[in-house]
Amino acid sequence: MGKILVCLKRAVDYNVRIRVKPDGSGVITDGVKMSVNPFDEIALEEALRIREKGETDEVVVVSIGTDACQQQLRTGLAMGADRAIQVRTEHSLEPLDVARILVRIVETEKPDLILLGKQAIDGDNNQTGQMLAALWGRPQATFVSELKLSGTTATAVREVDAGLETIEFDLPAVITSDLRLNEPRYVKMPDIMKAKRKPLATTDLEELDITPETRIKVVKTDSPPARQKGKMVADAAELVAELKQRDLA
């Protein structure tokens, strides 16, 4: 297999406590730590493990956004990716437009496999991978927790509502990673320094002849309701009485 393309999204770090803007128009991102979307990081780790097995020659990471996303691309390079591609834009993109952009990258790069997270932890849309596969006209395996390659075919274990589902499909294909696929490696300082010398190509969105569209409007963003204070009970009888009073039993 010649090449794996891995999609990385810049997102608020999962350790950060999200705060909603006073006007409810979104969440506060100014001065907030940003990182690679965790599910995308898992996807990259899987691509690197495939390369280490000798089953692919190159791992390329791609991200779409402002120059700030170069930080996440450099993280991907530090993890072990061979080179990076940035599609530069100031637009806030919806999943369909992201998929359309990635198809243009695919037309140029011609990867044998595309890996990305099942969803981003900011929008939780879980749509980009499926849309990309549809536009590309290739098979897809979503929510993958185990992946094995064999020549021009792949076998994936998917996490579904009823349990686990094992499917086989032809390559090229799109894979979206689940949480249990692997545990990403820790990036060491020497790797970060080496990443600065790896190639990072940039292209403007306008060069791809794609005009983003706004199909969804965020009306309001609310913080989760505050948790109610717990109540101590003396025995099981008092617990049952309290549950009945709250219409929970």
Protein backbone atom coordinates (compact mmCIF):
# COMPACT_ATOMS: atom_id res chain seq x y z
CA MET A 1 0.00 0.00 0.00
CA GLY A 2 1.47 3.28 -1.08
CA LYS A 3 -0.01 6.01 1.10
CA ILE A 4 -2.32 6.70 4.06
CA LEU A 5 -3.99 10.09 4.46
CA VAL A 6 -4.93 11.10 8.02
CA CYS A 7 -7.24 14.04 8.74
CA LEU A 8 -6.48 16.13 11.83
CA LYS A 9 -8.78 18.77 13.30
CA ARG A 10 -7.79 21.54 15.68
CA ALA A 11 -10.14 21.43 18.69
CA VAL A 12 -10.30 22.66 22.27
CA ASP A 13 -8.19 20.34 24.43
CA TYR A 14 -10.35 17.71 26.13
CA ASN A 15 -8.91 18.64 29.54
CA VAL A 16 -10.18 22.22 29.25
CA ARG A 17 -13.37 23.17 31.07
CA ILE A 18 -15.60 24.67 28.40
CA ARG A 19 -17.13 28.07 29.11
CA VAL A 20 -20.04 29.54 27.17
CA LYS A 21 -19.88 33.13 25.92
CA PRO A 22 -22.07 35.56 27.91
CA ASP A 23 -24.30 36.18 24.88
CA GLY A 24 -24.77 32.44 24.28
CA SER A 25 -23.36 32.65 20.74
CA GLY A 26 -20.80 29.88 21.29
CA VAL A 27 -17.98 28.77 23.55
CA ILE A 28 -14.96 30.82 24.59
CA THR A 29 -11.82 29.85 22.66
CA ASP A 30 -9.61 32.92 23.23
CA GLY A 31 -6.61 31.92 25.32
CA VAL A 32 -7.84 28.32 25.52
CA LYS A 33 -5.47 25.41 24.93
CA MET A 34 -6.07 23.75 21.57
CA SER A 35 -4.99 20.24 20.58
CA VAL A 36 -5.48 17.57 17.95
CA ASN A 37 -8.98 16.15 18.15
CA PRO A 38 -8.48 12.98 20.27
CA PHE A 39 -10.21 10.63 17.81
CA ASP A 40 -8.04 11.99 14.99
CA GLU A 41 -4.97 11.37 17.13
CA ILE A 42 -6.07 7.73 17.46
CA ALA A 43 -6.48 7.57 13.68
CA LEU A 44 -2.93 8.85 13.20
CA GLU A 45 -1.54 6.36 15.68
CA GLU A 46 -3.16 3.53 13.73
CA ALA A 47 -1.67 4.82 10.46
CA LEU A 48 1.79 4.96 12.05
CA ARG A 49 1.45 1.39 13.34
CA ILE A 50 0.47 0.24 9.85
CA ARG A 51 3.59 1.89 8.43
CA GLU A 52 5.77 0.36 11.15
CA LYS A 53 4.50 -3.07 10.06
CA GLY A 54 5.72 -2.29 6.55
CA GLU A 55 2.18 -2.24 5.14
CA THR A 56 2.40 1.31 3.77
CA ASP A 57 5.16 3.60 2.53
CA GLU A 58 3.96 7.04 3.63
CA VAL A 59 1.67 8.72 6.15
CA VAL A 60 0.40 12.20 5.26
CA VAL A 61 -1.56 14.41 7.65
CA VAL A 62 -3.97 17.10 6.45
CA SER A 63 -5.82 19.86 8.29
CA ILE A 64 -8.18 22.63 7.19
CA GLY A 65 -8.19 26.04 8.86
CA THR A 66 -6.14 29.08 9.71
CA ASP A 67 -2.37 29.02 10.18
CA ALA A 68 -3.03 28.17 13.83
CA CYS A 69 -3.77 24.58 12.77
CA GLN A 70 -0.13 24.22 11.74
CA GLN A 71 0.53 23.57 15.42
CA GLN A 72 -1.61 20.42 15.24
CA LEU A 73 0.02 19.40 11.95
CA ARG A 74 3.44 19.74 13.58
CA THR A 75 2.17 17.54 16.40
CA GLY A 76 1.19 14.97 13.80
CA LEU A 77 4.65 15.21 12.23
CA ALA A 78 6.24 14.82 15.66
CA MET A 79 4.22 11.66 16.23
CA GLY A 80 5.75 10.27 13.06
CA ALA A 81 3.86 11.43 9.97
CA ASP A 82 6.08 11.94 6.91
CA ARG A 83 4.63 15.22 5.68
CA ALA A 84 1.69 17.57 6.19
CA ILE A 85 -0.82 19.52 4.10
CA GLN A 86 -2.76 22.58 5.26
CA VAL A 87 -5.78 23.94 3.41
CA ARG A 88 -5.84 27.55 4.53
CA THR A 89 -9.20 29.22 5.20
CA GLU A 90 -10.81 31.60 7.66
CA HIS A 91 -14.27 30.06 7.16
CA SER A 92 -15.98 27.97 9.82
CA LEU A 93 -16.73 24.85 7.78
CA GLU A 94 -19.56 22.36 8.05
CA PRO A 95 -18.91 18.62 7.56
CA LEU A 96 -20.10 18.51 3.94
CA ASP A 97 -17.69 21.25 2.88
CA VAL A 98 -14.86 19.55 4.79
CA ALA A 99 -15.62 16.34 2.90
CA ARG A 100 -15.66 18.20 -0.43
CA ILE A 101 -12.26 19.73 0.34
CA LEU A 102 -10.81 16.37 1.34
CA VAL A 103 -12.00 14.86 -1.94
CA ARG A 104 -9.92 17.45 -3.79
CA ILE A 105 -6.89 16.49 -1.70
CA VAL A 106 -7.60 12.82 -2.45
CA GLU A 107 -7.66 13.54 -6.19
CA THR A 108 -4.11 14.88 -5.92
CA GLU A 109 -2.64 12.53 -3.32
CA LYS A 110 -4.41 9.31 -4.41
CA PRO A 111 -4.18 7.56 -1.02
CA ASP A 112 -4.94 3.87 -0.53
CA LEU A 113 -6.55 4.52 2.86
CA ILE A 114 -8.00 7.54 4.66
CA LEU A 115 -8.16 7.56 8.45
CA LEU A 116 -9.94 10.11 10.63
CA GLY A 117 -11.70 10.24 13.96
CA LYS A 118 -15.33 9.12 14.16
CA GLN A 119 -16.22 12.64 15.33
CA ALA A 120 -14.72 15.88 16.60
CA ILE A 121 -15.22 16.66 20.27
CA ASP A 122 -16.34 20.23 19.51
CA GLY A 123 -19.24 19.65 17.10
CA ASP A 124 -19.82 15.90 17.71
CA ASN A 125 -21.29 15.70 14.22
CA ASN A 126 -20.00 12.25 13.20
CA GLN A 127 -20.58 13.08 9.52
CA THR A 128 -17.34 13.94 7.73
CA GLY A 129 -16.04 10.40 7.24
CA GLN A 130 -19.34 9.12 5.87
CA MET A 131 -19.74 12.08 3.52
CA LEU A 132 -16.16 11.75 2.31
CA ALA A 133 -16.68 8.07 1.47
CA ALA A 134 -19.89 8.88 -0.41
CA LEU A 135 -18.31 11.69 -2.45
CA TRP A 136 -15.21 9.59 -3.13
CA GLY A 137 -17.31 6.60 -4.10
CA ARG A 138 -15.34 4.19 -1.93
CA PRO A 139 -16.20 1.80 0.96
CA GLN A 140 -16.27 3.00 4.55
CA ALA A 141 -15.90 1.45 7.99
CA THR A 142 -17.00 3.64 10.89
CA PHE A 143 -16.50 3.32 14.67
CA VAL A 144 -13.56 0.97 14.10
CA SER A 145 -11.95 -0.59 17.19
CA GLU A 146 -9.75 -3.09 15.33
CA LEU A 147 -8.25 -2.97 11.84
CA LYS A 148 -6.29 -5.53 9.80
CA LEU A 149 -4.99 -5.11 6.25
CA SER A 150 -4.33 -7.87 3.74
CA GLY A 151 -3.23 -6.74 0.30
CA THR A 152 -6.05 -4.83 -1.34
CA THR A 153 -8.64 -5.73 1.31
CA ALA A 154 -9.18 -4.81 4.95
CA THR A 155 -11.06 -6.29 7.88
CA ALA A 156 -12.48 -4.03 10.57
CA VAL A 157 -14.25 -4.60 13.86
CA ARG A 158 -16.92 -1.95 14.39
CA GLU A 159 -18.58 -0.93 17.63
CA VAL A 160 -22.34 -0.92 17.05
CA ASP A 161 -25.39 -0.74 19.32
CA ALA A 162 -25.77 -4.52 19.43
CA GLY A 163 -22.08 -5.16 20.20
CA LEU A 164 -19.27 -5.76 17.71
CA GLU A 165 -19.57 -6.17 13.95
CA THR A 166 -16.78 -7.52 11.73
CA ILE A 167 -16.75 -6.44 8.08
CA GLU A 168 -14.43 -6.93 5.12
CA PHE A 169 -14.06 -4.39 2.33
CA ASP A 170 -11.84 -3.41 -0.58
CA LEU A 171 -9.26 -0.65 -0.56
CA PRO A 172 -9.08 2.31 -1.06
CA ALA A 173 -11.51 3.09 1.74
CA VAL A 174 -12.37 5.51 4.53
CA ILE A 175 -11.91 4.48 8.17
CA THR A 176 -13.20 6.39 11.20
CA SER A 177 -11.57 5.45 14.50
CA ASP A 178 -13.27 4.66 17.78
CA LEU A 179 -11.80 5.19 21.22
CA ARG A 180 -10.65 1.58 21.70
CA LEU A 181 -8.70 1.28 18.44
CA ASN A 182 -5.40 2.10 20.18
CA GLU A 183 -3.64 4.42 22.61
CA PRO A 184 -1.67 7.21 20.90
CA ARG A 185 2.04 7.44 21.59
CA TYR A 186 3.65 10.14 23.70
CA VAL A 187 5.51 12.77 21.69
CA LYS A 188 9.09 13.33 22.89
CA MET A 189 11.09 16.53 22.58
CA PRO A 190 13.55 15.15 19.97
CA ASP A 191 10.58 14.21 17.80
CA ILE A 192 9.18 17.74 18.13
CA MET A 193 12.48 19.19 16.94
CA LYS A 194 12.63 16.77 13.99
CA ALA A 195 9.08 17.72 13.02
CA LYS A 196 10.19 21.31 12.31
CA ARG A 197 12.26 20.01 9.39
CA LYS A 198 9.53 17.90 7.83
CA PRO A 199 7.63 19.32 4.82
CA LEU A 200 4.38 21.19 5.43
CA ALA A 201 2.64 22.32 2.25
CA THR A 202 -0.11 24.95 2.24
CA THR A 203 -2.83 25.70 -0.27
CA ASP A 204 -5.62 28.27 -0.13
CA LEU A 205 -9.23 27.10 -0.19
CA GLU A 206 -9.90 29.34 -3.20
CA GLU A 207 -7.37 27.33 -5.22
CA LEU A 208 -9.56 24.24 -4.81
CA ASP A 209 -12.54 26.04 -6.39
CA ILE A 210 -14.82 25.29 -3.45
CA THR A 211 -17.20 27.87 -2.00
CA PRO A 212 -18.31 27.01 1.57
CA GLU A 213 -22.02 27.20 2.32
CA THR A 214 -23.84 27.91 5.57
CA ARG A 215 -26.59 25.36 6.03
CA ILE A 216 -26.84 25.31 9.83
CA LYS A 217 -27.19 28.28 12.16
CA VAL A 218 -26.41 28.02 15.87
CA VAL A 219 -29.28 29.79 17.58
CA LYS A 220 -28.04 29.56 21.15
CA THR A 221 -25.45 27.75 23.26
CA ASP A 222 -26.22 26.90 26.88
CA SER A 223 -24.05 25.53 29.67
CA PRO A 224 -25.04 22.14 31.12
CA PRO A 225 -27.40 22.48 34.10
CA ALA A 226 -25.69 22.56 37.48
CA ARG A 227 -25.73 19.25 39.32
CA GLN A 228 -28.12 19.12 42.24
CA LYS A 229 -26.69 18.66 45.68
CA GLY A 230 -26.92 15.09 46.94
CA LYS A 231 -28.90 14.06 50.00
CA MET A 232 -27.80 11.56 52.63
CA VAL A 233 -30.34 8.98 53.79
CA ALA A 234 -30.25 6.84 56.92
CA ASP A 235 -31.46 3.54 55.49
CA ALA A 236 -33.00 1.78 52.50
CA ALA A 237 -36.56 2.66 53.56
CA GLU A 238 -35.76 6.36 53.55
CA LEU A 239 -34.05 5.97 50.15
CA VAL A 240 -37.15 4.34 48.65
CA ALA A 241 -39.38 7.05 50.14
CA GLU A 242 -37.15 9.78 48.67
CA LEU A 243 -37.16 8.15 45.24
CA LYS A 244 -40.95 7.88 45.27
CA GLN A 245 -41.25 11.52 46.26
CA ARG A 246 -39.16 12.45 43.19
CA ASP A 247 -41.15 10.07 40.96
CA LEU A 248 -38.05 7.95 40.38
CA ALA A 249 -39.41 4.70 41.81
